[in-house]
Amino acid sequence: MSLTLHLPTLLYLCIAALVVSAAVMTLFGRTQRVYRGYWWWTLAQWMLAAGLGLHAARDAVPAVLPLANLLLLQWPIVVLSGMRRFYPRHGLRVPAACDGVLLALAYLAWLATWAAQAGLPARVAAFSGGALLLHLYGAVLMSRMTDFRQSAALKALAGVELFGALVQAARLAGALAGPTPGTPGPEVLLGSGLVVVASALVMIYAALLLTYERSVANLRAMHRKLRFLADIDVLTRVPNRRHFHELAARSLEGGPPGHATLMMFDVDHFKRVNDLLGHAVGDEALRQVARCVRDTLRAGDVAGRLGGDEFAVLLPHTDLADAMGVASRIVSRLGDRQVAPRTAPVSLSFGMVQVGADEAVADALRRADQALYEAKRQGRSCAVTASGVEEEPVFGESRRLGLSIP
């Protein structure tokens, strides 16, 4: 016994599926955060449902056929318009105006055959040829978007566009081959309707997936920004105290005992810079100091702002003599970046220690702070080394650096 399909019933089921898909997208857009272009995709779904609905009524009202076919043809172009807005920096060389022109040409080609009262094969050929062109156009442009390789949704949409193009190519070939006896219009319409429904269902998946992908990308970008704000001192663009401790401890764990030098330094008479020239100039002085530090250090060195005008630098695989050279280069660079060389020249004082075996970063910083205090006592604008334990520090070499500030 053969199974006979009731074509009008299947057509109405296709229309119902389209209405459900459009309603789902509308509800999602009303209740969730969506991005530019999403409502174009939703509009394409509703117009697709309306087009198929008008086709169902064309026998009773033949005048609705031109509008019905326009609503069916629009889908690739309106979806593409949404993509252009969703990816504003897509880099396509084809201007958006070409989308509308191509849709108009495809529609007018069919409309001319309808107005001329051509036979069914000619009208099917005109419609399928235009739809084939529009589907291929949408698939090619989507595949040229910058995010195509990373986006599963874009690939799915391009795939369904190609599938639609293949179906329309088969219809075009059949129409050009001439009328087939016993093949009424409803079967042809139903085949197109099934393709349209499949496209609409994929559109739901693609729209939700694209929204999810964009939301995840935004969350990751926000996480990176928050991580940056949590780890980096915004003024000087070097790690803050907490992150400096993390990076320095990690660096010490990766090398042999006693391989690193830690130096701590600050800006001499920094309060005078703020009092004489204002906090804006003081902030700029700190930025220039940090810039000199970043320009001087190697890739594996660790710098950080401890607070106020105090900075610290960990130099792996460096002894105290080489650290003196690093301090001299920082001060030399700073000489070219003075913000107020006559009114309030900036100089630096350094305290340096060799980090001991199994010594914590905080302990080494306290010893370096003692050496820094000794540099202040000796008149500032110099670098002092310290050895021994914190309770009984032994101050070693002292070197004058740059300007001598009274």
Protein backbone atom coordinates (compact mmCIF):
# COMPACT_ATOMS: atom_id res chain seq x y z
CA MET A 1 0.00 0.00 0.00
CA SER A 2 1.55 3.34 -1.00
CA LEU A 3 1.58 6.35 1.28
CA THR A 4 -0.02 9.41 -0.29
CA LEU A 5 1.05 12.80 1.06
CA HIS A 6 -1.61 15.49 1.32
CA LEU A 7 0.19 18.46 -0.25
CA PRO A 8 -1.91 21.29 1.24
CA THR A 9 -1.47 19.82 4.71
CA LEU A 10 2.32 19.64 4.26
CA LEU A 11 2.34 23.20 2.98
CA TYR A 12 0.49 24.42 6.06
CA LEU A 13 2.90 22.46 8.27
CA CYS A 14 5.79 24.27 6.56
CA ILE A 15 4.09 27.60 7.23
CA ALA A 16 3.53 26.65 10.89
CA ALA A 17 7.20 25.68 11.25
CA LEU A 18 8.25 29.05 9.85
CA VAL A 19 5.94 30.95 12.19
CA VAL A 20 7.29 28.98 15.16
CA SER A 21 10.90 29.68 14.15
CA ALA A 22 10.20 33.41 13.75
CA ALA A 23 8.33 33.49 17.07
CA VAL A 24 11.20 31.75 18.85
CA MET A 25 13.68 34.29 17.51
CA THR A 26 11.38 37.16 18.46
CA LEU A 27 10.92 35.84 21.99
CA PHE A 28 14.64 35.32 22.42
CA GLY A 29 15.37 38.83 21.18
CA ARG A 30 12.83 40.29 23.60
CA THR A 31 14.15 38.44 26.65
CA GLN A 32 17.90 38.19 26.00
CA ARG A 33 20.67 40.51 24.98
CA VAL A 34 21.12 40.50 21.22
CA TYR A 35 23.45 42.36 18.88
CA ARG A 36 23.17 44.46 15.75
CA GLY A 37 21.83 42.42 12.86
CA TYR A 38 19.77 40.03 14.96
CA TRP A 39 16.46 41.75 14.18
CA TRP A 40 17.24 41.62 10.47
CA TRP A 41 17.46 37.83 10.75
CA THR A 42 14.17 37.79 12.65
CA LEU A 43 12.56 39.99 10.01
CA ALA A 44 13.77 37.60 7.30
CA GLN A 45 12.05 34.72 9.11
CA TRP A 46 8.73 36.54 9.44
CA MET A 47 8.78 37.64 5.79
CA LEU A 48 9.59 34.08 4.77
CA ALA A 49 6.58 32.79 6.72
CA ALA A 50 4.39 35.48 5.20
CA GLY A 51 5.60 34.63 1.70
CA LEU A 52 4.80 30.96 2.05
CA GLY A 53 1.43 31.85 3.61
CA LEU A 54 0.55 34.04 0.65
CA HIS A 55 1.55 31.23 -1.68
CA ALA A 56 -0.93 28.99 0.09
CA ALA A 57 -3.65 31.55 -0.73
CA ARG A 58 -2.62 32.24 -4.32
CA ASP A 59 -5.29 30.00 -5.85
CA ALA A 60 -8.00 31.98 -4.07
CA VAL A 61 -6.30 35.37 -4.55
CA PRO A 62 -3.93 35.23 -7.58
CA ALA A 63 -2.95 38.88 -7.11
CA VAL A 64 -0.86 38.02 -4.02
CA LEU A 65 1.64 36.00 -6.06
CA PRO A 66 4.08 38.88 -6.85
CA LEU A 67 4.33 39.84 -3.18
CA ALA A 68 4.60 36.18 -2.14
CA ASN A 69 7.57 35.56 -4.45
CA LEU A 70 9.28 38.76 -3.35
CA LEU A 71 9.01 37.62 0.27
CA LEU A 72 10.52 34.26 -0.65
CA LEU A 73 13.37 35.77 -2.65
CA GLN A 74 14.38 38.26 0.07
CA TRP A 75 15.68 35.71 2.58
CA PRO A 76 19.37 35.43 1.48
CA ILE A 77 19.70 39.19 1.09
CA VAL A 78 18.02 40.22 4.36
CA VAL A 79 20.05 37.60 6.26
CA LEU A 80 23.20 38.95 4.60
CA SER A 81 22.21 42.50 5.61
CA GLY A 82 22.00 41.31 9.19
CA MET A 83 25.46 39.75 8.86
CA ARG A 84 26.88 43.01 7.59
CA ARG A 85 25.61 44.73 10.73
CA PHE A 86 26.61 41.92 13.07
CA TYR A 87 30.17 42.05 11.65
CA PRO A 88 30.65 45.78 10.96
CA ARG A 89 34.36 45.21 10.23
CA HIS A 90 33.82 42.25 7.92
CA GLY A 91 36.15 43.68 5.26
CA LEU A 92 33.89 42.86 2.30
CA ARG A 93 34.75 44.76 -0.83
CA VAL A 94 31.21 44.43 -2.21
CA PRO A 95 29.13 47.42 -1.00
CA ALA A 96 25.81 46.81 0.74
CA ALA A 97 23.96 48.59 -2.07
CA CYS A 98 24.76 45.66 -4.35
CA ASP A 99 22.58 43.41 -2.16
CA GLY A 100 19.44 45.39 -2.90
CA VAL A 101 20.29 45.80 -6.58
CA LEU A 102 20.75 42.05 -6.99
CA LEU A 103 17.46 41.30 -5.22
CA ALA A 104 15.65 43.82 -7.41
CA LEU A 105 17.11 42.33 -10.61
CA ALA A 106 16.16 38.79 -9.60
CA TYR A 107 12.64 39.82 -8.70
CA LEU A 108 12.08 41.96 -11.77
CA ALA A 109 13.23 39.12 -14.02
CA TRP A 110 10.52 36.87 -12.59
CA LEU A 111 7.96 39.68 -12.53
CA ALA A 112 8.48 40.26 -16.26
CA THR A 113 7.64 36.62 -17.05
CA TRP A 114 4.58 36.77 -14.80
CA ALA A 115 3.36 40.01 -16.31
CA ALA A 116 3.84 38.54 -19.80
CA GLN A 117 1.69 35.56 -18.72
CA ALA A 118 4.46 33.14 -19.67
CA GLY A 119 3.97 29.43 -19.06
CA LEU A 120 4.75 27.71 -15.79
CA PRO A 121 8.19 26.43 -16.91
CA ALA A 122 9.31 29.94 -17.85
CA ARG A 123 8.09 31.41 -14.58
CA VAL A 124 9.72 28.61 -12.56
CA ALA A 125 12.96 29.10 -14.50
CA ALA A 126 12.94 32.86 -13.85
CA PHE A 127 12.23 32.43 -10.15
CA SER A 128 14.72 29.58 -9.65
CA GLY A 129 17.43 31.40 -11.61
CA GLY A 130 17.06 34.48 -9.44
CA ALA A 131 16.94 32.46 -6.22
CA LEU A 132 20.02 30.49 -7.33
CA LEU A 133 21.92 33.72 -7.90
CA LEU A 134 20.89 35.20 -4.54
CA HIS A 135 21.78 32.05 -2.59
CA LEU A 136 25.19 31.80 -4.24
CA TYR A 137 25.81 35.50 -3.65
CA GLY A 138 24.99 35.16 0.07
CA ALA A 139 27.12 32.02 0.47
CA VAL A 140 30.16 33.58 -1.22
CA LEU A 141 30.02 36.82 0.79
CA MET A 142 29.56 34.97 4.09
CA SER A 143 32.57 32.78 3.30
CA ARG A 144 34.66 35.95 2.77
CA MET A 145 33.87 37.42 6.18
CA THR A 146 36.81 37.64 8.54
CA ASP A 147 35.26 35.40 11.21
CA PHE A 148 34.20 32.65 8.80
CA ARG A 149 36.94 30.18 9.78
CA GLN A 150 36.26 30.53 13.50
CA SER A 151 32.46 30.65 13.43
CA ALA A 152 30.49 27.41 13.18
CA ALA A 153 27.30 29.45 12.69
CA LEU A 154 28.67 31.27 9.64
CA LYS A 155 29.75 27.96 8.14
CA ALA A 156 26.31 26.47 8.76
CA LEU A 157 24.60 29.45 7.12
CA ALA A 158 26.92 29.35 4.12
CA GLY A 159 26.22 25.63 3.85
CA VAL A 160 22.45 26.08 3.85
CA GLU A 161 22.80 28.85 1.25
CA LEU A 162 24.74 26.46 -0.98
CA PHE A 163 22.15 23.75 -0.40
CA GLY A 164 19.38 26.17 -1.37
CA ALA A 165 21.37 27.09 -4.48
CA LEU A 166 21.65 23.41 -5.45
CA VAL A 167 17.89 22.90 -5.05
CA GLN A 168 17.15 25.98 -7.14
CA ALA A 169 19.66 24.80 -9.75
CA ALA A 170 17.80 21.47 -9.98
CA ARG A 171 14.47 23.31 -10.38
CA LEU A 172 16.02 25.56 -13.02
CA ALA A 173 17.36 22.57 -14.94
CA GLY A 174 13.96 20.86 -14.78
CA ALA A 175 12.16 23.98 -15.98
CA LEU A 176 14.57 24.48 -18.88
CA ALA A 177 14.12 20.85 -19.89
CA GLY A 178 10.46 21.56 -20.57
CA PRO A 179 7.18 20.76 -18.83
CA THR A 180 6.82 17.32 -17.30
CA PRO A 181 3.36 15.78 -17.65
CA GLY A 182 1.70 15.05 -14.36
CA THR A 183 3.84 17.46 -12.35
CA PRO A 184 1.45 20.07 -10.96
CA GLY A 185 2.43 23.33 -9.39
CA PRO A 186 1.81 22.33 -5.76
CA GLU A 187 4.57 19.71 -5.85
CA VAL A 188 7.01 22.31 -7.13
CA LEU A 189 5.88 24.76 -4.47
CA LEU A 190 6.13 22.14 -1.75
CA GLY A 191 9.71 21.32 -2.69
CA SER A 192 10.63 24.98 -2.37
CA GLY A 193 8.71 25.20 0.89
CA LEU A 194 10.67 22.34 2.43
CA VAL A 195 13.94 24.00 1.48
CA VAL A 196 12.69 27.27 2.94
CA VAL A 197 11.73 25.58 6.21
CA ALA A 198 15.11 23.86 6.45
CA SER A 199 16.81 27.23 5.90
CA ALA A 200 14.67 28.86 8.57
CA LEU A 201 15.45 26.17 11.14
CA VAL A 202 19.17 26.50 10.45
CA MET A 203 18.75 30.26 10.83
CA ILE A 204 17.47 29.77 14.40
CA TYR A 205 20.53 27.70 15.22
CA ALA A 206 22.85 30.18 13.52
CA ALA A 207 21.31 33.26 15.15
CA LEU A 208 21.48 31.78 18.64
CA LEU A 209 24.98 30.44 18.07
CA LEU A 210 26.23 33.75 16.70
CA THR A 211 24.74 35.52 19.72
CA TYR A 212 26.39 33.00 22.03
CA GLU A 213 29.74 33.36 20.25
CA ARG A 214 29.59 37.14 20.51
CA SER A 215 28.61 36.98 24.20
CA VAL A 216 31.48 34.59 24.96
CA ALA A 217 33.92 36.81 23.06
CA ASN A 218 32.71 39.87 24.99
CA LEU A 219 33.01 38.03 28.31
CA ARG A 220 36.55 36.96 27.46
CA ALA A 221 37.47 40.50 26.48
CA MET A 222 35.96 41.80 29.72
CA HIS A 223 37.82 39.13 31.68
CA ARG A 224 41.10 40.19 30.05
CA LYS A 225 40.34 43.81 30.84
CA LEU A 226 39.49 43.04 34.46
CA ARG A 227 42.58 40.88 34.73
CA PHE A 228 44.64 43.73 33.36
CA LEU A 229 43.10 46.17 35.82
CA ALA A 230 43.71 43.73 38.67
CA ASP A 231 47.35 43.06 37.75
CA ILE A 232 48.65 46.25 36.15
CA ASP A 233 49.08 49.68 37.63
CA VAL A 234 46.96 51.86 35.34
CA LEU A 235 49.13 54.97 35.66
CA THR A 236 52.54 53.44 34.92
CA ARG A 237 51.55 50.31 32.97
CA VAL A 238 53.77 48.05 35.07
CA PRO A 239 52.58 45.28 37.44
CA ASN A 240 51.14 46.46 40.73
CA ARG A 241 52.47 45.32 44.11
CA ARG A 242 50.44 42.10 44.27
CA HIS A 243 51.19 41.03 40.72
CA PHE A 244 54.87 41.93 41.10
CA HIS A 245 55.09 39.56 44.07
CA GLU A 246 53.45 36.80 41.99
CA LEU A 247 55.73 37.31 38.99
CA ALA A 248 58.87 37.66 41.07
CA ALA A 249 58.12 34.51 43.10
CA ARG A 250 57.49 32.58 39.88
CA SER A 251 60.77 33.82 38.42
CA LEU A 252 62.75 32.85 41.51
CA GLU A 253 61.26 29.35 41.46
CA GLY A 254 62.49 28.78 37.93
CA GLY A 255 66.19 29.53 38.52
CA PRO A 256 69.07 28.34 40.68
CA PRO A 257 69.41 29.67 44.25
CA GLY A 258 70.92 33.12 44.56
CA HIS A 259 70.79 33.85 40.83
CA ALA A 260 68.75 37.07 40.97
CA THR A 261 69.22 40.64 42.12
CA LEU A 262 66.37 42.70 43.52
CA MET A 263 66.50 46.46 43.46
CA MET A 264 64.08 48.91 44.96
CA PHE A 265 64.04 52.58 44.03
CA ASP A 266 61.96 55.72 44.35
CA VAL A 267 61.85 59.29 43.09
CA ASP A 268 63.87 61.74 45.17
CA HIS A 269 61.83 64.56 46.68
CA PHE A 270 58.74 63.45 44.80
CA LYS A 271 56.53 65.49 47.08
CA ARG A 272 58.30 68.63 45.91
CA VAL A 273 57.42 67.82 42.29
CA ASN A 274 53.75 67.53 43.24
CA ASP A 275 53.82 70.68 45.39
CA LEU A 276 55.60 72.84 42.81
CA LEU A 277 53.98 71.66 39.60
CA GLY A 278 50.84 69.78 40.60
CA HIS A 279 49.82 66.15 40.66
CA ALA A 280 49.36 65.97 36.90
CA VAL A 281 53.07 66.65 36.39
CA GLY A 282 53.87 64.24 39.20
CA ASP A 283 51.86 61.54 37.47
CA GLU A 284 53.68 62.24 34.23
CA ALA A 285 57.02 61.93 36.04
CA LEU A 286 55.99 58.49 37.30
CA ARG A 287 54.93 57.48 33.81
CA GLN A 288 58.30 58.53 32.41
CA VAL A 289 60.17 56.64 35.13
CA ALA A 290 58.17 53.51 34.35
CA ARG A 291 58.76 53.99 30.62
CA CYS A 292 62.51 54.18 31.20
CA VAL A 293 62.37 51.00 33.27
CA ARG A 294 60.40 49.13 30.58
CA ASP A 295 62.78 50.32 27.85
CA THR A 296 65.83 49.18 29.82
CA LEU A 297 64.82 45.75 31.09
CA ARG A 298 65.13 42.40 29.33
CA ALA A 299 62.23 40.13 28.49
CA GLY A 300 62.68 37.98 31.61
CA ASP A 301 63.11 40.85 34.07
CA VAL A 302 60.21 41.77 36.36
CA ALA A 303 59.27 45.35 37.24
CA GLY A 304 56.49 46.62 39.46
CA ARG A 305 55.13 49.67 41.21
CA LEU A 306 54.91 49.06 44.94
CA GLY A 307 52.92 52.21 45.63
CA GLY A 308 53.37 55.97 45.50
CA ASP A 309 56.74 56.68 43.87
CA GLU A 310 58.29 53.34 44.89
CA PHE A 311 59.25 50.73 42.27
CA ALA A 312 60.94 47.35 42.39
CA VAL A 313 62.79 45.33 39.75
CA LEU A 314 63.83 41.69 39.88
CA LEU A 315 66.78 40.87 37.59
CA PRO A 316 67.19 37.11 37.10
CA HIS A 317 70.70 35.77 36.40
CA THR A 318 72.21 39.10 37.40
CA ASP A 319 74.77 40.00 40.10
CA LEU A 320 75.01 43.28 41.98
CA ALA A 321 77.65 44.73 39.65
CA ASP A 322 75.45 44.18 36.60
CA ALA A 323 72.45 45.56 38.50
CA MET A 324 74.41 48.76 39.03
CA GLY A 325 74.74 49.03 35.26
CA VAL A 326 70.98 48.55 34.85
CA ALA A 327 70.30 51.33 37.36
CA SER A 328 72.72 53.63 35.51
CA ARG A 329 70.97 53.00 32.20
CA ILE A 330 67.54 53.72 33.72
CA VAL A 331 68.79 57.03 35.12
CA SER A 332 70.47 57.89 31.82
CA ARG A 333 67.24 57.36 29.94
CA LEU A 334 65.36 59.40 32.51
CA GLY A 335 67.73 62.30 31.86
CA ASP A 336 66.22 62.59 28.38
CA ARG A 337 62.65 62.46 29.73
CA GLN A 338 62.68 65.09 32.46
CA VAL A 339 59.25 66.68 32.78
CA ALA A 340 60.56 69.84 34.49
CA PRO A 341 64.38 69.81 34.31
CA ARG A 342 64.78 73.37 35.65
CA THR A 343 61.96 73.65 38.14
CA ALA A 344 61.87 70.18 39.67
CA PRO A 345 64.41 67.76 38.11
CA VAL A 346 63.72 64.10 38.82
CA SER A 347 66.40 61.78 40.21
CA LEU A 348 66.26 58.24 41.59
CA SER A 349 67.74 56.43 44.59
CA PHE A 350 68.30 52.65 44.52
CA GLY A 351 68.72 49.91 47.07
CA MET A 352 69.98 46.54 45.80
CA VAL A 353 70.36 43.06 47.26
CA GLN A 354 71.27 39.64 45.96
CA VAL A 355 68.28 37.37 46.61
CA GLY A 356 69.35 34.53 48.88
CA ALA A 357 68.59 30.85 48.47
CA ASP A 358 64.98 30.12 49.50
CA GLU A 359 64.48 33.80 50.38
CA ALA A 360 60.96 35.08 49.93
CA VAL A 361 60.30 38.11 47.78
CA ALA A 362 58.91 40.05 50.75
CA ASP A 363 62.07 39.38 52.79
CA ALA A 364 64.33 40.47 49.93
CA LEU A 365 62.25 43.64 49.52
CA ARG A 366 62.71 44.55 53.16
CA ARG A 367 66.49 44.22 52.81
CA ALA A 368 66.40 46.28 49.60
CA ASP A 369 64.36 48.91 51.43
CA GLN A 370 67.12 49.14 54.03
CA ALA A 371 69.68 49.73 51.27
CA LEU A 372 67.36 52.35 49.72
CA TYR A 373 67.12 54.12 53.06
CA GLU A 374 70.92 54.16 53.22
CA ALA A 375 71.03 55.70 49.73
CA LYS A 376 68.72 58.45 50.98
CA ARG A 377 70.97 58.99 53.98
CA GLN A 378 74.01 59.33 51.72
CA GLY A 379 72.43 62.22 49.83
CA ARG A 380 70.05 60.57 47.33
CA SER A 381 70.59 60.12 43.58
CA CYS A 382 72.75 57.09 44.21
CA ALA A 383 72.58 53.29 44.42
CA VAL A 384 73.60 51.29 47.51
CA THR A 385 74.01 47.53 47.83
CA ALA A 386 73.30 45.54 50.98
CA SER A 387 74.20 42.05 52.15
CA GLY A 388 73.80 40.12 55.35
CA VAL A 389 70.58 39.48 57.24
CA GLU A 390 67.82 41.99 57.75
CA GLU A 391 68.65 42.48 61.42
CA GLU A 392 72.31 43.28 60.67
CA PRO A 393 72.60 44.66 57.15
CA VAL A 394 76.01 45.27 55.64
CA PHE A 395 76.03 48.11 53.12
CA GLY A 396 78.51 47.73 50.30
CA GLU A 397 79.17 49.64 47.10
CA SER A 398 77.58 53.06 46.66
CA ARG A 399 77.50 54.72 43.26
CA ARG A 400 76.33 58.20 42.32
CA LEU A 401 73.71 58.20 39.59
CA GLY A 402 72.78 61.17 37.39
CA LEU A 403 71.79 64.45 38.97
CA SER A 404 72.57 65.26 42.57
CA ILE A 405 69.43 66.75 44.08
CA PRO A 406 69.82 68.69 47.35
